[in-house]
Each structure stands twice: as C-alpha cells, then as structure tokens.
C-alpha cells in the first residue's frame, strides 16, 4: 500500500538533505469527481470505476488531438486552431453527441470568460 508521501523522493539518508518532488502523472480524477457531484450529489465512485473513467478521458483527448493534428496537416496550416479541435470532436463523436459536446464546450468557455473578465466577449 502506497504511503501518503508517495510523491516525495528521498535524496539522502535523512541528515538534513533536501527532498526532491516527483512529478505525478496527469489525472482527470478531480474533474470527474466534481462533475459527478454536480449531477448526482449523493453518489460516489469506486477506485476501479475512476480508473476506467480516467483511461476513457485520456483516450478521447488523445483521439481528438490526433484527428485535429491530421486536419491541420490536411489544410496545410502550421498552427492548430480551436476550429480544428471542434471539427475533430464532431467527427469522432457520433450523431448528436458531437453537437451537444461542442455546445457544452462553448457554454463552458463563455462561463469562464465571464468569470475572468466580467464580459462574454
């Protein structure tokens, strides 16, 4: 069983030497849990289910990034834009799910901009 100080690596034998922080892997656990609590207040999620959801998120973001990269190359552009990412998401997600995802993404960006700047533009 991992200890609570899993992310800290010992450099010396403990005679006042500094500790070096290890970089933790990217995880969507916090965000998955936050969305779950927003939708279903009293519901929890097991560790195994969280691992599956985390793996799903990594897979989907990887697929979207790969498809967006392909679209950028096909169009002969040096820079990937938000439009490339939106098109990739629409291509990868079936039917109305793609439209709904883009709509929710636009809503989240608008909400962020309003909270950050005080205006939607």
Protein backbone atom coordinates (compact mmCIF):
# COMPACT_ATOMS: atom_id res chain seq x y z
CA UNK A 1 0.00 0.00 0.00
CA UNK A 2 1.48 3.37 -1.03
CA UNK A 3 2.31 5.82 1.70
CA UNK A 4 0.78 9.29 1.97
CA UNK A 5 4.06 10.85 0.86
CA UNK A 6 4.23 8.86 -2.36
CA UNK A 7 5.13 11.91 -4.48
CA UNK A 8 8.27 12.74 -2.47
CA UNK A 9 11.58 11.02 -3.19
CA UNK A 10 14.32 10.90 -0.58
CA UNK A 11 17.66 12.16 -1.89
CA UNK A 12 19.81 11.42 1.12
CA UNK A 13 19.71 9.30 4.22
CA UNK A 14 17.79 11.91 6.18
CA UNK A 15 20.68 14.01 7.57
CA UNK A 16 19.12 17.33 6.59
CA UNK A 17 19.40 16.77 2.86
CA UNK A 18 16.71 18.15 0.57
CA UNK A 19 13.84 16.13 -0.82
CA UNK A 20 13.09 16.08 -4.50
CA UNK A 21 9.46 16.12 -5.65
CA UNK A 22 8.45 13.50 -8.18
CA UNK A 23 6.10 14.55 -10.90
CA UNK A 24 2.72 12.87 -10.63
CA UNK A 25 1.03 11.57 -13.75
CA UNK A 26 -1.82 13.51 -15.32
CA UNK A 27 -5.18 12.52 -13.93
CA UNK A 28 -8.74 13.64 -14.50
CA UNK A 29 -9.95 12.19 -11.18
CA UNK A 30 -10.62 15.59 -9.60
CA UNK A 31 -12.69 16.78 -12.56
CA UNK A 32 -14.61 13.52 -12.92
CA UNK A 33 -15.49 13.63 -9.23
CA UNK A 34 -16.50 17.30 -9.49
CA UNK A 35 -18.88 16.62 -12.41
CA UNK A 36 -20.32 13.56 -10.66
CA UNK A 37 -21.11 15.60 -7.54
CA UNK A 38 -22.65 18.35 -9.66
CA UNK A 39 -25.01 15.90 -11.38
CA UNK A 40 -25.60 13.25 -8.66
CA UNK A 41 -24.98 14.80 -5.22
CA UNK A 42 -25.05 11.67 -3.05
CA UNK A 43 -23.38 9.25 -5.45
CA UNK A 44 -19.80 8.04 -5.06
CA UNK A 45 -17.46 6.27 -7.45
CA UNK A 46 -15.20 3.29 -6.81
CA UNK A 47 -11.47 3.44 -7.44
CA UNK A 48 -11.75 0.94 -10.31
CA UNK A 49 -14.55 2.95 -11.96
CA UNK A 50 -12.48 6.11 -11.55
CA UNK A 51 -9.52 4.41 -13.24
CA UNK A 52 -11.77 3.39 -16.13
CA UNK A 53 -13.16 6.92 -16.48
CA UNK A 54 -9.65 8.39 -16.32
CA UNK A 55 -8.49 5.98 -19.03
CA UNK A 56 -11.52 6.89 -21.15
CA UNK A 57 -10.75 10.61 -20.83
CA UNK A 58 -7.09 10.12 -21.80
CA UNK A 59 -8.13 8.01 -24.79
CA UNK A 60 -10.72 10.51 -26.03
CA UNK A 61 -8.42 13.53 -25.64
CA UNK A 62 -5.68 11.61 -27.45
CA UNK A 63 -8.01 10.73 -30.32
CA UNK A 64 -9.28 14.31 -30.62
CA UNK A 65 -5.72 15.70 -30.59
CA UNK A 66 -4.60 13.19 -33.24
CA UNK A 67 -7.57 13.94 -35.50
CA UNK A 68 -7.12 17.70 -35.05
CA UNK A 69 -3.44 17.32 -35.95
CA UNK A 70 -4.41 15.43 -39.12
CA UNK A 71 -6.92 18.14 -40.06
CA UNK A 72 -4.27 20.81 -39.57
CA UNK A 73 -1.85 18.94 -41.84
CA UNK A 74 -4.54 18.30 -44.49
CA UNK A 75 -5.32 22.01 -44.60
CA UNK A 76 -1.62 22.82 -44.93
CA UNK A 77 -1.58 25.09 -41.88
CA UNK A 78 1.29 25.32 -39.40
CA UNK A 79 -0.95 26.03 -36.39
CA UNK A 80 -3.79 24.02 -34.89
CA UNK A 81 -6.81 26.19 -34.10
CA UNK A 82 -9.88 25.75 -31.94
CA UNK A 83 -11.84 25.15 -35.13
CA UNK A 84 -9.66 22.10 -35.91
CA UNK A 85 -10.33 20.71 -32.43
CA UNK A 86 -14.07 21.33 -32.75
CA UNK A 87 -14.15 19.63 -36.15
CA UNK A 88 -12.20 16.66 -34.78
CA UNK A 89 -14.64 16.30 -31.88
CA UNK A 90 -17.60 16.49 -34.26
CA UNK A 91 -16.05 13.80 -36.48
CA UNK A 92 -15.19 11.45 -33.61
CA UNK A 93 -18.38 11.72 -31.56
CA UNK A 94 -21.40 10.08 -33.20
CA UNK A 95 -24.59 11.92 -34.15
CA UNK A 96 -25.99 14.50 -31.78
CA UNK A 97 -23.36 13.70 -29.15
CA UNK A 98 -20.80 15.73 -31.12
CA UNK A 99 -23.15 18.71 -31.43
CA UNK A 100 -24.04 18.53 -27.74
CA UNK A 101 -20.35 18.32 -26.74
CA UNK A 102 -19.50 21.41 -28.80
CA UNK A 103 -22.46 23.29 -27.36
CA UNK A 104 -21.43 22.43 -23.79
CA UNK A 105 -17.81 23.35 -24.56
CA UNK A 106 -18.85 26.75 -25.91
CA UNK A 107 -21.00 27.30 -22.82
CA UNK A 108 -18.06 26.43 -20.54
CA UNK A 109 -15.73 28.83 -22.39
CA UNK A 110 -18.33 31.62 -22.16
CA UNK A 111 -18.79 30.97 -18.44
CA UNK A 112 -15.01 31.06 -17.93
CA UNK A 113 -14.62 34.32 -19.88
CA UNK A 114 -17.43 35.97 -17.92
CA UNK A 115 -15.88 34.97 -14.59
CA UNK A 116 -12.40 36.00 -15.73
CA UNK A 117 -13.13 39.32 -17.47
CA UNK A 118 -16.63 40.22 -16.43
CA UNK A 119 -17.89 40.04 -20.02
CA UNK A 120 -18.71 37.28 -22.52
CA UNK A 121 -16.57 38.58 -25.41
